[in-house]
Amino acid sequence: MLEIQKKLTNSFYILLSLPATAMGFALSVQISALSWILGTRYNLNLEEIGFVWAAGPLAGIFGQVIVGLISDKAWFWGGRRRPFVLIGGPLAALMLIALPNIDSISSVLGISNLIIVALIVALTLDLSINISFNPTRSIIADVTPEGIARTKGYTWMQTISGFFGVMAYLIGATVGNYTLIYSGSLIVLLFSIIPMFFIYEPRELVSSVDNDQKVAGETKTNWGQLLTLFTAHGFSWIGVQTMFVFIIAFVQQNLKPLNNFETGQFISISFAVLNTVGFLVPVFLLEPVSEKIGRIKVHIISIFIMAIGYFFIAYTVFSSFMLYLLMLIVGIGWGAIVSLPFAILSEKVDKTRMGFFMGIFNLSVVIPQLLVSLFIGGIVQDMADKSNIFLISGISLTVSGFLWLLVKEKNNG
């Protein structure tokens, strides 16, 4: 074990964050480029783009739950989580390279329908990300003690991951999405492989729940609280995913870009602003305030701030400057969504089953993503006013905030 891991230094938290950063970066590339490529290069409409995006949630429903359950008990290649990261990371890098080559792949395979090939590539990309994402998050709980150190692990994860997410959007905005895709594949490959050989995983995991919560050797899990948490988080993701997938329609109608490159530029800069705030606030704002008033209160406040930002975008944005300005506000909630719920969940469940519970928790992300892709796409396609995209997002975040009020701060409530 490295000395930095024994002492839980900041350098160790950075190292520990890199595998999750690799998967986050792959998602950032996908978010920035997938709708853009499908819409501008392959001329798919919004509903067809939504169907392609549905591949990710389908992969997540099976991938993260199954991998999480297996990784809790597995041990090979010197680790519990390591093997899945070493498999998923290189596969994700390969599928990123495939994104701008869907037409060539279609030609080689002899498949004339581009949507089928796009679905195969998107499904494989998301499956590879989902193979790795759960273990990259679970390992943080595996190697950090419960409490502030655990919260620090997840806030550092979002800070490092968010920083590189911003870099992804800036690359897309300045030199184009094709450069982003090819450089991103290299970053994903390196960050998923190298750190895993320097992080020591304990062979045996000790449950963090109290002894009086043990019943016949099993952990008594408050599923009512967990289901409330999952539902609250799910409504957050309905709002977020609606923005990610369909912002292209809002930009094209309200900002009137001159060409496809400018469309991609507006989207990339918007997400760069969103993620800049998203990676700064967890460590510098959310973590210190959480120590004073509690993580759940901080999360609720952040969610309502995000909802307000969405409503303002829906009703006031007709210039790129206003969109970027309001993304600053939305970014506060985004920073909370991708950091605090993991720390909250990790202290409500048995540590020895962390992979399983992280997999179940992921359903509160992928099921909303699937709903957005399969149902909201058709609604957005028929909307005359694409500003309603952000109205849907704002309402979803508001519902999420009220549901989070029902989640108790203490373990297993």
Protein backbone atom coordinates (compact mmCIF):
# COMPACT_ATOMS: atom_id res chain seq x y z
CA MET A 1 0.00 0.00 0.00
CA LEU A 2 1.31 3.43 -0.94
CA GLU A 3 2.08 5.84 1.90
CA ILE A 4 -0.32 8.39 0.40
CA GLN A 5 -3.12 5.83 0.75
CA LYS A 6 -2.24 5.09 4.39
CA LYS A 7 -2.34 8.81 5.23
CA LEU A 8 -5.29 9.59 2.93
CA THR A 9 -3.45 12.55 1.44
CA ASN A 10 -4.94 14.83 -1.20
CA SER A 11 -2.68 13.20 -3.79
CA PHE A 12 -4.28 9.86 -2.98
CA TYR A 13 -7.77 11.32 -3.39
CA ILE A 14 -6.69 12.61 -6.80
CA LEU A 15 -5.32 9.19 -7.77
CA LEU A 16 -8.49 7.52 -6.46
CA SER A 17 -10.61 9.88 -8.57
CA LEU A 18 -8.93 9.15 -11.91
CA PRO A 19 -10.77 5.90 -12.81
CA ALA A 20 -14.15 7.57 -12.22
CA THR A 21 -12.80 10.57 -14.14
CA ALA A 22 -12.09 8.30 -17.11
CA MET A 23 -15.68 7.12 -17.19
CA GLY A 24 -16.99 10.63 -16.60
CA PHE A 25 -14.85 11.92 -19.44
CA ALA A 26 -16.24 9.25 -21.75
CA LEU A 27 -19.74 10.39 -20.80
CA SER A 28 -18.80 14.04 -21.37
CA VAL A 29 -17.60 13.20 -24.86
CA GLN A 30 -20.81 11.31 -25.49
CA ILE A 31 -22.97 14.16 -24.17
CA SER A 32 -21.08 16.77 -26.16
CA ALA A 33 -20.81 14.90 -29.43
CA LEU A 34 -23.42 12.14 -29.80
CA SER A 35 -26.55 14.21 -30.53
CA TRP A 36 -24.43 16.59 -32.62
CA ILE A 37 -22.98 13.82 -34.77
CA LEU A 38 -26.31 12.02 -35.19
CA GLY A 39 -28.13 15.23 -36.07
CA THR A 40 -25.59 17.02 -38.28
CA ARG A 41 -23.57 14.22 -39.90
CA TYR A 42 -26.14 11.43 -40.15
CA ASN A 43 -29.30 13.64 -40.31
CA LEU A 44 -31.31 11.77 -37.67
CA ASN A 45 -34.35 13.59 -36.25
CA LEU A 46 -34.90 14.23 -32.52
CA GLU A 47 -37.02 11.13 -31.97
CA GLU A 48 -34.41 8.92 -33.68
CA ILE A 49 -31.65 10.54 -31.62
CA GLY A 50 -33.68 9.74 -28.51
CA PHE A 51 -33.84 6.07 -29.51
CA VAL A 52 -30.05 5.93 -29.88
CA TRP A 53 -29.64 7.53 -26.45
CA ALA A 54 -31.92 4.82 -25.03
CA ALA A 55 -29.07 2.33 -25.50
CA GLY A 56 -27.21 3.77 -22.52
CA PRO A 57 -29.93 3.30 -19.92
CA LEU A 58 -30.60 -0.22 -21.19
CA ALA A 59 -26.93 -1.03 -20.71
CA GLY A 60 -26.97 0.55 -17.27
CA ILE A 61 -30.00 -1.36 -16.04
CA PHE A 62 -28.22 -4.66 -16.54
CA GLY A 63 -24.56 -3.68 -16.48
CA GLN A 64 -24.20 -1.78 -13.23
CA VAL A 65 -26.46 -3.97 -11.10
CA ILE A 66 -24.90 -7.21 -12.29
CA VAL A 67 -21.33 -5.93 -12.17
CA GLY A 68 -21.92 -4.37 -8.77
CA LEU A 69 -23.26 -7.62 -7.37
CA ILE A 70 -20.41 -9.65 -8.85
CA SER A 71 -17.67 -7.22 -7.82
CA ASP A 72 -18.71 -7.41 -4.15
CA LYS A 73 -17.72 -11.09 -4.09
CA ALA A 74 -15.16 -11.37 -6.88
CA TRP A 75 -11.39 -11.27 -6.45
CA PHE A 76 -9.01 -11.63 -9.38
CA TRP A 77 -6.17 -9.68 -10.99
CA GLY A 78 -5.35 -8.48 -7.48
CA GLY A 79 -8.59 -6.65 -6.80
CA ARG A 80 -12.34 -6.61 -6.37
CA ARG A 81 -13.13 -3.58 -8.54
CA ARG A 82 -9.89 -3.46 -10.56
CA PRO A 83 -10.73 -6.15 -13.16
CA PHE A 84 -13.93 -4.46 -14.26
CA VAL A 85 -12.21 -1.10 -14.70
CA LEU A 86 -9.37 -2.69 -16.68
CA ILE A 87 -11.94 -4.32 -19.00
CA GLY A 88 -14.42 -1.47 -19.34
CA GLY A 89 -11.95 1.39 -19.76
CA PRO A 90 -10.19 0.21 -22.94
CA LEU A 91 -13.50 -0.92 -24.43
CA ALA A 92 -15.00 2.54 -23.81
CA ALA A 93 -11.98 4.17 -25.48
CA LEU A 94 -12.45 1.95 -28.53
CA MET A 95 -16.15 2.78 -28.82
CA LEU A 96 -15.43 6.52 -28.64
CA ILE A 97 -13.28 6.12 -31.73
CA ALA A 98 -16.19 4.29 -33.37
CA LEU A 99 -18.61 7.22 -32.91
CA PRO A 100 -17.46 9.33 -35.88
CA ASN A 101 -17.02 6.22 -37.99
CA ILE A 102 -20.54 4.81 -37.78
CA ASP A 103 -20.98 5.15 -41.55
CA SER A 104 -17.72 3.28 -42.23
CA ILE A 105 -18.67 0.55 -39.75
CA SER A 106 -22.08 0.30 -41.40
CA SER A 107 -20.44 -0.15 -44.78
CA VAL A 108 -18.04 -2.82 -43.53
CA LEU A 109 -20.84 -4.74 -41.82
CA GLY A 110 -23.12 -4.39 -44.82
CA ILE A 111 -25.89 -2.74 -42.77
CA SER A 112 -27.63 0.06 -44.62
CA ASN A 113 -29.64 1.33 -41.64
CA LEU A 114 -27.41 3.80 -39.76
CA ILE A 115 -29.71 3.81 -36.72
CA ILE A 116 -29.01 0.11 -36.13
CA VAL A 117 -25.25 0.63 -36.26
CA ALA A 118 -25.51 3.77 -34.10
CA LEU A 119 -27.49 1.76 -31.55
CA ILE A 120 -24.85 -0.99 -31.53
CA VAL A 121 -22.01 1.50 -31.02
CA ALA A 122 -23.90 3.48 -28.37
CA LEU A 123 -24.96 0.31 -26.55
CA THR A 124 -21.40 -1.05 -26.52
CA LEU A 125 -20.02 2.31 -25.37
CA ASP A 126 -22.52 2.58 -22.55
CA LEU A 127 -22.12 -1.05 -21.56
CA SER A 128 -18.36 -0.57 -21.27
CA ILE A 129 -18.84 2.60 -19.21
CA ASN A 130 -21.35 0.83 -16.99
CA ILE A 131 -19.00 -2.10 -16.48
CA SER A 132 -16.50 0.33 -15.00
CA PHE A 133 -18.53 3.14 -13.45
CA ASN A 134 -19.94 1.17 -10.54
CA PRO A 135 -16.54 -0.23 -9.48
CA THR A 136 -14.86 3.19 -9.81
CA ARG A 137 -17.39 4.63 -7.36
CA SER A 138 -17.55 1.62 -5.06
CA ILE A 139 -13.78 1.51 -4.60
CA ILE A 140 -13.92 4.97 -2.99
CA ALA A 141 -16.13 3.57 -0.24
CA ASP A 142 -13.93 0.46 -0.02
CA VAL A 143 -10.74 2.37 0.80
CA THR A 144 -12.02 5.35 2.85
CA PRO A 145 -13.42 5.37 6.40
CA GLU A 146 -17.00 6.42 7.00
CA GLY A 147 -17.67 10.10 7.68
CA ILE A 148 -15.87 13.20 6.44
CA ALA A 149 -13.15 11.14 4.74
CA ARG A 150 -15.81 9.31 2.69
CA THR A 151 -17.53 12.58 1.76
CA LYS A 152 -14.13 13.98 0.79
CA GLY A 153 -13.54 10.98 -1.45
CA TYR A 154 -16.72 11.59 -3.42
CA THR A 155 -16.39 15.38 -3.56
CA TRP A 156 -12.80 15.02 -4.80
CA MET A 157 -14.10 12.51 -7.35
CA GLN A 158 -16.50 15.11 -8.71
CA THR A 159 -13.91 17.88 -8.60
CA ILE A 160 -11.33 15.96 -10.63
CA SER A 161 -13.91 14.37 -12.91
CA GLY A 162 -15.69 17.68 -13.38
CA PHE A 163 -12.47 19.49 -14.26
CA PHE A 164 -11.77 17.05 -17.07
CA GLY A 165 -15.42 17.24 -18.11
CA VAL A 166 -14.96 20.99 -18.56
CA MET A 167 -11.84 20.33 -20.60
CA ALA A 168 -13.88 18.02 -22.79
CA TYR A 169 -16.44 20.69 -23.58
CA LEU A 170 -13.78 23.34 -24.14
CA ILE A 171 -11.97 21.08 -26.59
CA GLY A 172 -15.24 20.52 -28.42
CA ALA A 173 -16.00 24.26 -28.47
CA THR A 174 -12.57 25.39 -29.68
CA VAL A 175 -11.14 22.71 -31.97
CA GLY A 176 -14.22 20.63 -32.65
CA ASN A 177 -15.90 17.44 -31.54
CA TYR A 178 -13.77 15.18 -33.71
CA THR A 179 -10.61 16.26 -31.92
CA LEU A 180 -12.47 15.81 -28.63
CA ILE A 181 -13.42 12.24 -29.51
CA TYR A 182 -9.95 11.09 -30.49
CA SER A 183 -8.12 12.84 -27.63
CA GLY A 184 -10.81 11.68 -25.23
CA SER A 185 -10.28 8.05 -26.15
CA LEU A 186 -6.61 8.35 -25.08
CA ILE A 187 -7.50 10.02 -21.76
CA VAL A 188 -10.10 7.34 -20.99
CA LEU A 189 -7.58 4.61 -21.75
CA LEU A 190 -4.80 6.02 -19.55
CA PHE A 191 -6.95 7.10 -16.59
CA SER A 192 -8.76 3.78 -16.40
CA ILE A 193 -5.64 1.60 -16.55
CA ILE A 194 -2.70 3.30 -14.78
CA PRO A 195 -4.26 4.27 -11.38
CA MET A 196 -5.68 0.81 -10.76
CA PHE A 197 -2.16 -0.60 -10.28
CA PHE A 198 -1.41 1.85 -7.44
CA ILE A 199 -4.62 1.62 -5.39
CA TYR A 200 -4.61 -1.12 -2.75
CA GLU A 201 -7.96 -2.86 -2.33
CA PRO A 202 -8.62 -4.66 0.98
CA ARG A 203 -9.35 -8.35 0.46
CA GLU A 204 -12.00 -8.31 3.22
CA LEU A 205 -14.55 -5.52 3.61
CA VAL A 206 -15.89 -4.73 7.08
CA SER A 207 -19.48 -3.61 7.35
CA SER A 208 -19.91 -0.07 8.64
CA VAL A 209 -23.40 -0.58 10.03
CA ASP A 210 -23.94 -0.97 13.76
CA ASN A 211 -24.09 -4.41 15.33
CA ASP A 212 -27.65 -3.84 16.50
CA GLN A 213 -28.65 -3.58 12.84
CA LYS A 214 -27.60 -7.17 12.22
CA VAL A 215 -30.35 -9.74 11.97
CA ALA A 216 -29.34 -13.36 11.52
CA GLY A 217 -26.07 -12.21 10.01
CA GLU A 218 -27.77 -9.89 7.49
CA THR A 219 -27.94 -6.11 7.42
CA LYS A 220 -31.29 -4.58 8.19
CA THR A 221 -31.73 -2.15 5.32
CA ASN A 222 -34.37 0.55 5.48
CA TRP A 223 -35.70 0.04 1.98
CA GLY A 224 -38.38 2.69 2.49
CA GLN A 225 -35.68 5.33 2.93
CA LEU A 226 -33.61 3.94 0.07
CA LEU A 227 -36.57 3.90 -2.32
CA THR A 228 -37.37 7.50 -1.40
CA LEU A 229 -33.75 8.43 -2.04
CA PHE A 230 -33.75 6.59 -5.37
CA THR A 231 -37.00 8.24 -6.49
CA ALA A 232 -35.78 11.70 -5.51
CA HIS A 233 -32.54 11.17 -7.39
CA GLY A 234 -34.47 9.78 -10.35
CA PHE A 235 -36.50 12.96 -10.79
CA SER A 236 -33.26 14.93 -10.73
CA TRP A 237 -32.00 12.85 -13.62
CA ILE A 238 -35.18 13.26 -15.66
CA GLY A 239 -34.49 16.98 -15.62
CA VAL A 240 -30.78 16.67 -16.29
CA GLN A 241 -31.10 14.10 -19.08
CA THR A 242 -33.81 16.12 -20.83
CA MET A 243 -31.35 18.99 -21.00
CA PHE A 244 -28.43 16.85 -22.16
CA VAL A 245 -30.27 15.11 -24.99
CA PHE A 246 -32.49 17.88 -26.36
CA ILE A 247 -30.60 21.12 -25.73
CA ILE A 248 -29.62 20.97 -29.40
CA ALA A 249 -33.24 21.74 -30.37
CA PHE A 250 -33.41 24.64 -27.88
CA VAL A 251 -30.14 26.09 -29.20
CA GLN A 252 -31.18 25.82 -32.83
CA GLN A 253 -34.51 27.56 -32.20
CA ASN A 254 -33.61 30.22 -29.62
CA LEU A 255 -29.98 31.07 -30.41
CA LYS A 256 -30.21 30.63 -34.21
CA PRO A 257 -26.65 29.42 -34.85
CA LEU A 258 -25.20 30.14 -38.30
CA ASN A 259 -24.00 26.58 -38.97
CA ASN A 260 -23.48 23.13 -37.46
CA PHE A 261 -20.11 24.04 -35.94
CA GLU A 262 -21.63 27.01 -34.11
CA THR A 263 -24.45 24.78 -32.86
CA GLY A 264 -21.87 22.43 -31.36
CA GLN A 265 -19.93 25.39 -30.01
CA PHE A 266 -22.94 26.83 -28.15
CA ILE A 267 -23.67 23.43 -26.62
CA SER A 268 -20.05 22.74 -25.66
CA ILE A 269 -19.57 26.13 -23.99
CA SER A 270 -22.86 25.74 -22.11
CA PHE A 271 -21.78 22.39 -20.72
CA ALA A 272 -18.29 23.73 -20.00
CA VAL A 273 -19.82 26.45 -17.81
CA LEU A 274 -22.15 23.92 -16.17
CA ASN A 275 -19.29 21.58 -15.35
CA THR A 276 -16.91 24.32 -14.22
CA VAL A 277 -19.32 25.17 -11.42
CA GLY A 278 -20.08 21.48 -11.00
CA PHE A 279 -16.47 20.55 -10.25
CA LEU A 280 -15.67 23.59 -8.09
CA VAL A 281 -18.62 23.61 -5.69
CA PRO A 282 -18.34 20.06 -4.22
CA VAL A 283 -14.95 20.59 -2.54
CA PHE A 284 -15.02 24.34 -2.02
CA LEU A 285 -18.69 24.83 -1.05
CA LEU A 286 -20.79 21.69 -0.62
CA GLU A 287 -18.35 19.73 1.57
CA PRO A 288 -17.63 22.51 4.10
CA VAL A 289 -21.29 23.56 4.33
CA SER A 290 -22.33 19.92 4.70
CA GLU A 291 -20.15 19.65 7.80
CA LYS A 292 -22.19 22.45 9.37
CA ILE A 293 -25.79 21.75 8.35
CA GLY A 294 -25.73 18.21 6.91
CA ARG A 295 -25.39 16.77 3.42
CA ILE A 296 -29.09 16.29 2.76
CA LYS A 297 -29.98 19.91 3.56
CA VAL A 298 -27.19 21.13 1.30
CA HIS A 299 -28.39 18.80 -1.45
CA ILE A 300 -32.00 19.99 -1.19
CA ILE A 301 -30.96 23.65 -1.41
CA SER A 302 -28.78 22.88 -4.43
CA ILE A 303 -31.60 21.03 -6.20
CA PHE A 304 -34.03 23.93 -5.78
CA ILE A 305 -31.41 26.38 -7.04
CA MET A 306 -30.99 24.21 -10.13
CA ALA A 307 -34.77 24.14 -10.70
CA ILE A 308 -34.92 27.95 -10.54
CA GLY A 309 -32.10 28.14 -13.06
CA TYR A 310 -33.99 25.88 -15.45
CA PHE A 311 -37.16 28.00 -15.22
CA PHE A 312 -35.18 31.14 -16.00
CA ILE A 313 -33.60 29.47 -19.04
CA ALA A 314 -37.04 28.45 -20.31
CA TYR A 315 -38.45 31.96 -20.09
CA THR A 316 -35.54 34.39 -20.51
CA VAL A 317 -32.84 32.93 -22.78
CA PHE A 318 -32.57 34.26 -26.33
CA SER A 319 -28.82 34.82 -26.43
CA SER A 320 -25.79 32.65 -25.81
CA PHE A 321 -24.62 35.01 -23.04
CA MET A 322 -27.82 34.52 -21.05
CA LEU A 323 -27.62 30.75 -21.51
CA TYR A 324 -24.02 30.67 -20.23
CA LEU A 325 -24.91 32.94 -17.29
CA LEU A 326 -27.79 30.75 -16.17
CA MET A 327 -25.70 27.62 -16.57
CA LEU A 328 -23.62 29.02 -13.71
CA ILE A 329 -26.68 28.73 -11.47
CA VAL A 330 -27.70 25.31 -12.79
CA GLY A 331 -24.15 24.09 -12.14
CA ILE A 332 -24.62 24.31 -8.37
CA GLY A 333 -27.27 21.62 -8.49
CA TRP A 334 -25.26 19.59 -10.97
CA GLY A 335 -22.27 19.57 -8.62
CA ALA A 336 -24.50 18.26 -5.85
CA ILE A 337 -26.23 15.60 -7.97
CA VAL A 338 -23.00 13.94 -9.04
CA SER A 339 -21.32 13.94 -5.62
CA LEU A 340 -23.48 14.13 -2.50
CA PRO A 341 -25.96 11.28 -3.15
CA PHE A 342 -23.09 8.77 -3.34
CA ALA A 343 -21.80 9.81 0.08
CA ILE A 344 -25.34 9.81 1.51
CA LEU A 345 -26.08 6.34 0.13
CA SER A 346 -22.72 4.86 1.21
CA GLU A 347 -23.55 5.42 4.87
CA LYS A 348 -27.05 3.97 4.66
CA VAL A 349 -26.03 0.51 3.46
CA ASP A 350 -23.74 -2.38 4.34
CA LYS A 351 -20.22 -1.66 3.07
CA THR A 352 -19.69 -5.31 2.19
CA ARG A 353 -22.52 -5.00 -0.35
CA MET A 354 -21.57 -1.57 -1.67
CA GLY A 355 -21.29 -2.69 -5.30
CA PHE A 356 -24.79 -4.16 -5.21
CA PHE A 357 -26.33 -1.05 -3.66
CA MET A 358 -24.43 1.25 -6.02
CA GLY A 359 -25.83 -0.85 -8.86
CA ILE A 360 -29.38 -0.53 -7.53
CA PHE A 361 -28.77 3.19 -7.00
CA ASN A 362 -27.75 3.49 -10.64
CA LEU A 363 -31.27 2.45 -11.63
CA SER A 364 -32.37 5.87 -10.36
CA VAL A 365 -30.19 7.30 -13.13
CA VAL A 366 -30.68 4.92 -16.03
CA ILE A 367 -34.45 4.41 -15.75
CA PRO A 368 -35.06 8.20 -15.97
CA GLN A 369 -32.61 8.34 -18.88
CA LEU A 370 -34.60 5.61 -20.61
CA LEU A 371 -37.90 7.42 -19.99
CA VAL A 372 -36.45 10.61 -21.44
CA SER A 373 -35.13 8.84 -24.52
CA LEU A 374 -38.26 6.79 -25.28
CA PHE A 375 -41.05 9.20 -24.34
CA ILE A 376 -39.88 12.79 -23.99
CA GLY A 377 -38.16 12.67 -27.39
CA GLY A 378 -41.50 12.35 -29.17
CA ILE A 379 -43.00 15.12 -27.02
CA VAL A 380 -40.10 17.48 -27.74
CA GLN A 381 -40.25 16.65 -31.45
CA ASP A 382 -43.87 17.88 -31.55
CA MET A 383 -43.32 20.99 -29.39
CA ALA A 384 -43.55 24.25 -31.29
CA ASP A 385 -41.67 26.07 -28.52
CA LYS A 386 -38.47 24.21 -27.63
CA SER A 387 -38.08 26.36 -24.48
CA ASN A 388 -40.44 23.86 -22.88
CA ILE A 389 -37.48 21.48 -22.73
CA PHE A 390 -36.20 23.46 -19.76
CA LEU A 391 -39.69 23.79 -18.31
CA ILE A 392 -39.82 19.98 -18.13
CA SER A 393 -36.37 19.97 -16.52
CA GLY A 394 -37.36 22.60 -13.94
CA ILE A 395 -40.53 20.77 -12.91
CA SER A 396 -38.60 17.50 -12.53
CA LEU A 397 -35.98 19.14 -10.30
CA THR A 398 -38.70 20.75 -8.17
CA VAL A 399 -40.35 17.36 -7.59
CA SER A 400 -36.92 15.94 -6.73
CA GLY A 401 -36.29 18.65 -4.15
CA PHE A 402 -39.54 17.95 -2.33
CA LEU A 403 -38.88 14.20 -2.32
CA TRP A 404 -35.41 14.76 -0.84
CA LEU A 405 -37.16 16.42 2.13
CA LEU A 406 -38.38 12.93 3.07
CA VAL A 407 -34.86 11.46 3.27
CA LYS A 408 -33.44 11.45 6.78
CA GLU A 409 -29.90 12.51 7.56
CA LYS A 410 -29.00 9.67 9.94
CA ASN A 411 -27.99 6.19 8.76
CA ASN A 412 -30.94 3.99 7.86
CA GLY A 413 -33.29 6.67 9.25
